[in-house]
């Protein structure tokens, strides 16, 4: 598969998973967290899916499309490893949905990141909430959910917080 085809497949899986989780997330209180803003496409989709919800975004350095930059009071700037604990201190474990699409393209580096990322996200995840991740994350109180129809196994990882 070409890198372009892989990117398209990943974006389709991401969109399909977010759309799949929408009804369940709508039944929950709490904010939505977007870990990694990038150019803002997913943030923009989250705003469309969940109008009126607080959406907090984490980004090392903002370089998104101007229409896709969150308000300053919903933006945690800096390295995720530092920003996530800061946010946990401010927000607590209340998120209804956390979406993370962090990665380096280096499998070993991604595995190392996953070792601290799962617990850092857990400190923000509300009971009964959902996590959607582009990599496998091992957290004891999370239950892995099956992918929605049409999403290839292990393309995206869905979890429910017990």
C-alpha atoms as a PDB file:
ATOM      1  CA  UNK A   1       0.000   0.000   0.000  1.00  0.00           C
ATOM      2  CA  UNK A   2       1.364   3.413  -0.890  1.00  0.00           C
ATOM      3  CA  UNK A   3       1.835   6.034   1.806  1.00  0.00           C
ATOM      4  CA  UNK A   4      -0.989   8.049   0.223  1.00  0.00           C
ATOM      5  CA  UNK A   5      -3.355   5.066   0.328  1.00  0.00           C
ATOM      6  CA  UNK A   6      -2.324   4.384   3.924  1.00  0.00           C
ATOM      7  CA  UNK A   7      -3.012   8.028   4.900  1.00  0.00           C
ATOM      8  CA  UNK A   8      -6.434   7.950   3.244  1.00  0.00           C
ATOM      9  CA  UNK A   9      -7.305   4.668   4.971  1.00  0.00           C
ATOM     10  CA  UNK A  10      -6.222   6.099   8.336  1.00  0.00           C
ATOM     11  CA  UNK A  11      -8.315   9.253   7.863  1.00  0.00           C
ATOM     12  CA  UNK A  12     -11.368   7.241   6.809  1.00  0.00           C
ATOM     13  CA  UNK A  13     -10.974   4.979   9.843  1.00  0.00           C
ATOM     14  CA  UNK A  14     -10.570   7.998  12.120  1.00  0.00           C
ATOM     15  CA  UNK A  15     -13.711   9.666  10.767  1.00  0.00           C
ATOM     16  CA  UNK A  16     -15.724   6.427  10.868  1.00  0.00           C
ATOM     17  CA  UNK A  17     -14.691   5.737  14.469  1.00  0.00           C
ATOM     18  CA  UNK A  18     -15.535   9.275  15.613  1.00  0.00           C
ATOM     19  CA  UNK A  19     -18.918   9.124  13.889  1.00  0.00           C
ATOM     20  CA  UNK A  20     -19.541   5.684  15.429  1.00  0.00           C
ATOM     21  CA  UNK A  21     -18.826   6.982  18.947  1.00  0.00           C
ATOM     22  CA  UNK A  22     -20.960  10.124  18.613  1.00  0.00           C
ATOM     23  CA  UNK A  23     -24.257   8.704  19.974  1.00  0.00           C
ATOM     24  CA  UNK A  24     -22.521   7.210  23.010  1.00  0.00           C
ATOM     25  CA  UNK A  25     -20.538  10.383  23.712  1.00  0.00           C
ATOM     26  CA  UNK A  26     -23.692  12.498  23.346  1.00  0.00           C
ATOM     27  CA  UNK A  27     -25.132  10.638  26.357  1.00  0.00           C
ATOM     28  CA  UNK A  28     -22.178  11.656  28.549  1.00  0.00           C
ATOM     29  CA  UNK A  29     -21.261  14.890  30.232  1.00  0.00           C
ATOM     30  CA  UNK A  30     -17.738  16.247  30.131  1.00  0.00           C
ATOM     31  CA  UNK A  31     -15.432  17.784  27.575  1.00  0.00           C
ATOM     32  CA  UNK A  32     -13.804  16.320  24.504  1.00  0.00           C
ATOM     33  CA  UNK A  33     -10.027  16.278  24.199  1.00  0.00           C
ATOM     34  CA  UNK A  34      -8.064  16.366  20.953  1.00  0.00           C
ATOM     35  CA  UNK A  35      -4.438  15.342  21.503  1.00  0.00           C
ATOM     36  CA  UNK A  36      -2.500  16.807  18.606  1.00  0.00           C
ATOM     37  CA  UNK A  37      -4.048  19.601  16.540  1.00  0.00           C
ATOM     38  CA  UNK A  38      -1.946  19.271  13.389  1.00  0.00           C
ATOM     39  CA  UNK A  39      -3.645  21.291  10.681  1.00  0.00           C
ATOM     40  CA  UNK A  40      -6.974  21.163  12.532  1.00  0.00           C
ATOM     41  CA  UNK A  41      -8.997  18.778  10.344  1.00  0.00           C
ATOM     42  CA  UNK A  42     -10.043  16.464  13.184  1.00  0.00           C
ATOM     43  CA  UNK A  43     -10.698  19.378  15.543  1.00  0.00           C
ATOM     44  CA  UNK A  44     -12.967  20.883  12.876  1.00  0.00           C
ATOM     45  CA  UNK A  45     -14.799  17.544  12.526  1.00  0.00           C
ATOM     46  CA  UNK A  46     -15.219  17.316  16.301  1.00  0.00           C
ATOM     47  CA  UNK A  47     -16.755  20.810  16.356  1.00  0.00           C
ATOM     48  CA  UNK A  48     -19.268  19.684  13.716  1.00  0.00           C
ATOM     49  CA  UNK A  49     -20.039  16.414  15.529  1.00  0.00           C
ATOM     50  CA  UNK A  50     -20.380  17.976  18.972  1.00  0.00           C
ATOM     51  CA  UNK A  51     -21.600  21.578  18.632  1.00  0.00           C
ATOM     52  CA  UNK A  52     -21.671  23.424  21.921  1.00  0.00           C
ATOM     53  CA  UNK A  53     -19.325  20.961  23.670  1.00  0.00           C
ATOM     54  CA  UNK A  54     -16.106  22.115  25.279  1.00  0.00           C
ATOM     55  CA  UNK A  55     -13.257  20.777  23.162  1.00  0.00           C
ATOM     56  CA  UNK A  56      -9.753  21.078  24.604  1.00  0.00           C
ATOM     57  CA  UNK A  57      -6.796  20.744  22.277  1.00  0.00           C
ATOM     58  CA  UNK A  58      -3.186  19.811  22.978  1.00  0.00           C
ATOM     59  CA  UNK A  59      -0.463  20.909  20.570  1.00  0.00           C
ATOM     60  CA  UNK A  60       3.273  21.425  20.699  1.00  0.00           C
ATOM     61  CA  UNK A  61       3.173  24.460  18.410  1.00  0.00           C
ATOM     62  CA  UNK A  62       0.078  25.693  16.589  1.00  0.00           C
ATOM     63  CA  UNK A  63       0.365  25.631  12.798  1.00  0.00           C
ATOM     64  CA  UNK A  64      -3.260  24.864  11.922  1.00  0.00           C
ATOM     65  CA  UNK A  65      -5.519  26.493   9.387  1.00  0.00           C
ATOM     66  CA  UNK A  66      -6.672  29.812  10.948  1.00  0.00           C
ATOM     67  CA  UNK A  67     -10.310  28.648  11.020  1.00  0.00           C
ATOM     68  CA  UNK A  68      -9.293  25.549  12.981  1.00  0.00           C
ATOM     69  CA  UNK A  69      -7.474  27.042  15.953  1.00  0.00           C
ATOM     70  CA  UNK A  70      -9.245  26.663  19.299  1.00  0.00           C
ATOM     71  CA  UNK A  71      -9.720  29.586  21.680  1.00  0.00           C
ATOM     72  CA  UNK A  72      -6.769  30.222  23.985  1.00  0.00           C
ATOM     73  CA  UNK A  73      -8.700  28.989  27.030  1.00  0.00           C
ATOM     74  CA  UNK A  74      -9.199  25.594  25.339  1.00  0.00           C
ATOM     75  CA  UNK A  75      -5.606  25.148  24.172  1.00  0.00           C
ATOM     76  CA  UNK A  76      -2.814  23.411  26.078  1.00  0.00           C
ATOM     77  CA  UNK A  77       0.493  24.306  24.446  1.00  0.00           C
ATOM     78  CA  UNK A  78       3.708  22.357  24.791  1.00  0.00           C
ATOM     79  CA  UNK A  79       4.930  18.789  24.639  1.00  0.00           C
ATOM     80  CA  UNK A  80       2.108  16.337  25.366  1.00  0.00           C
ATOM     81  CA  UNK A  81       4.174  14.656  28.065  1.00  0.00           C
ATOM     82  CA  UNK A  82       4.146  17.956  30.002  1.00  0.00           C
ATOM     83  CA  UNK A  83       0.783  19.378  28.928  1.00  0.00           C
ATOM     84  CA  UNK A  84      -1.336  16.322  29.772  1.00  0.00           C
ATOM     85  CA  UNK A  85      -0.448  16.306  33.504  1.00  0.00           C
ATOM     86  CA  UNK A  86      -1.015  20.088  33.608  1.00  0.00           C
ATOM     87  CA  UNK A  87      -4.457  19.559  32.102  1.00  0.00           C
ATOM     88  CA  UNK A  88      -5.237  16.727  34.522  1.00  0.00           C
ATOM     89  CA  UNK A  89      -4.495  19.112  37.386  1.00  0.00           C
ATOM     90  CA  UNK A  90      -6.829  21.712  35.909  1.00  0.00           C
ATOM     91  CA  UNK A  91      -9.640  19.560  34.479  1.00  0.00           C
ATOM     92  CA  UNK A  92      -9.476  16.270  36.384  1.00  0.00           C
ATOM     93  CA  UNK A  93     -10.699  12.920  35.047  1.00  0.00           C
ATOM     94  CA  UNK A  94     -13.821  14.190  33.285  1.00  0.00           C
ATOM     95  CA  UNK A  95     -13.387  13.741  29.512  1.00  0.00           C
ATOM     96  CA  UNK A  96     -16.223  12.057  27.662  1.00  0.00           C
ATOM     97  CA  UNK A  97     -14.020  11.454  24.616  1.00  0.00           C
ATOM     98  CA  UNK A  98     -10.278  11.629  24.090  1.00  0.00           C
ATOM     99  CA  UNK A  99      -8.908  11.357  20.574  1.00  0.00           C
ATOM    100  CA  UNK A 100      -5.175  10.949  20.093  1.00  0.00           C
ATOM    101  CA  UNK A 101      -3.331  10.629  16.818  1.00  0.00           C
ATOM    102  CA  UNK A 102       0.242  11.099  17.964  1.00  0.00           C
ATOM    103  CA  UNK A 103       3.089   9.228  16.373  1.00  0.00           C
ATOM    104  CA  UNK A 104       6.527   9.446  14.901  1.00  0.00           C
ATOM    105  CA  UNK A 105       6.611   6.844  12.155  1.00  0.00           C
ATOM    106  CA  UNK A 106       9.167   4.954  14.264  1.00  0.00           C
ATOM    107  CA  UNK A 107       7.595   1.825  15.801  1.00  0.00           C
ATOM    108  CA  UNK A 108       9.993   1.669  18.784  1.00  0.00           C
ATOM    109  CA  UNK A 109       9.467   5.360  19.565  1.00  0.00           C
ATOM    110  CA  UNK A 110       5.692   4.938  19.326  1.00  0.00           C
ATOM    111  CA  UNK A 111       5.810   1.984  21.726  1.00  0.00           C
ATOM    112  CA  UNK A 112       7.832   4.045  24.206  1.00  0.00           C
ATOM    113  CA  UNK A 113       5.370   6.914  23.852  1.00  0.00           C
ATOM    114  CA  UNK A 114       2.436   4.566  24.445  1.00  0.00           C
ATOM    115  CA  UNK A 115       3.958   3.507  27.781  1.00  0.00           C
ATOM    116  CA  UNK A 116       3.470   7.010  29.233  1.00  0.00           C
ATOM    117  CA  UNK A 117       0.614   8.216  26.997  1.00  0.00           C
ATOM    118  CA  UNK A 118      -2.003   5.709  28.189  1.00  0.00           C
ATOM    119  CA  UNK A 119      -1.589   6.540  31.895  1.00  0.00           C
ATOM    120  CA  UNK A 120      -1.440  10.289  31.113  1.00  0.00           C
ATOM    121  CA  UNK A 121      -4.720  10.078  29.196  1.00  0.00           C
ATOM    122  CA  UNK A 122      -6.275   7.949  31.925  1.00  0.00           C
ATOM    123  CA  UNK A 123      -5.811  10.834  34.359  1.00  0.00           C
ATOM    124  CA  UNK A 124      -8.144  12.873  32.100  1.00  0.00           C
ATOM    125  CA  UNK A 125     -10.678  10.179  31.137  1.00  0.00           C
ATOM    126  CA  UNK A 126     -14.044  10.259  32.814  1.00  0.00           C
ATOM    127  CA  UNK A 127     -15.685   7.070  34.018  1.00  0.00           C
ATOM    128  CA  UNK A 128     -17.688   5.624  31.131  1.00  0.00           C
ATOM    129  CA  UNK A 129     -15.833   7.815  28.643  1.00  0.00           C
ATOM    130  CA  UNK A 130     -14.188   6.775  25.406  1.00  0.00           C
ATOM    131  CA  UNK A 131     -10.663   6.890  24.036  1.00  0.00           C
ATOM    132  CA  UNK A 132      -9.913   6.691  20.340  1.00  0.00           C
ATOM    133  CA  UNK A 133      -6.232   6.197  19.533  1.00  0.00           C
ATOM    134  CA  UNK A 134      -4.079   5.508  16.516  1.00  0.00           C
ATOM    135  CA  UNK A 135      -2.003   3.072  18.558  1.00  0.00           C
ATOM    136  CA  UNK A 136      -2.612   0.369  21.109  1.00  0.00           C
ATOM    137  CA  UNK A 137      -2.595   1.667  24.690  1.00  0.00           C
ATOM    138  CA  UNK A 138      -2.561  -0.574  27.757  1.00  0.00           C
ATOM    139  CA  UNK A 139      -4.527   0.873  30.670  1.00  0.00           C
ATOM    140  CA  UNK A 140      -6.042  -1.492  33.270  1.00  0.00           C
ATOM    141  CA  UNK A 141      -9.403   0.256  33.584  1.00  0.00           C
ATOM    142  CA  UNK A 142      -9.961   0.545  29.828  1.00  0.00           C
ATOM    143  CA  UNK A 143     -11.866  -2.062  27.862  1.00  0.00           C
ATOM    144  CA  UNK A 144     -10.988  -2.436  24.198  1.00  0.00           C
ATOM    145  CA  UNK A 145     -14.006  -2.198  21.913  1.00  0.00           C
ATOM    146  CA  UNK A 146     -14.353  -3.728  18.464  1.00  0.00           C
ATOM    147  CA  UNK A 147     -13.879  -1.508  15.448  1.00  0.00           C
ATOM    148  CA  UNK A 148     -17.009  -0.279  13.686  1.00  0.00           C
ATOM    149  CA  UNK A 149     -18.031  -2.059  10.498  1.00  0.00           C
ATOM    150  CA  UNK A 150     -15.705  -1.217   7.641  1.00  0.00           C
ATOM    151  CA  UNK A 151     -12.737  -0.222   9.825  1.00  0.00           C
ATOM    152  CA  UNK A 152      -9.882  -2.726   9.489  1.00  0.00           C
ATOM    153  CA  UNK A 153      -8.747  -4.408  12.708  1.00  0.00           C
ATOM    154  CA  UNK A 154      -5.975  -2.498  14.500  1.00  0.00           C
ATOM    155  CA  UNK A 155      -6.217   0.521  12.172  1.00  0.00           C
ATOM    156  CA  UNK A 156      -7.623   2.490  15.113  1.00  0.00           C
ATOM    157  CA  UNK A 157      -8.126   1.497  18.751  1.00  0.00           C
ATOM    158  CA  UNK A 158     -11.341   2.218  20.645  1.00  0.00           C
ATOM    159  CA  UNK A 159     -11.591   1.952  24.408  1.00  0.00           C
ATOM    160  CA  UNK A 160     -14.269   2.441  27.058  1.00  0.00           C
ATOM    161  CA  UNK A 161     -13.275   3.573  30.526  1.00  0.00           C
ATOM    162  CA  UNK A 162     -14.673   1.276  33.246  1.00  0.00           C
END
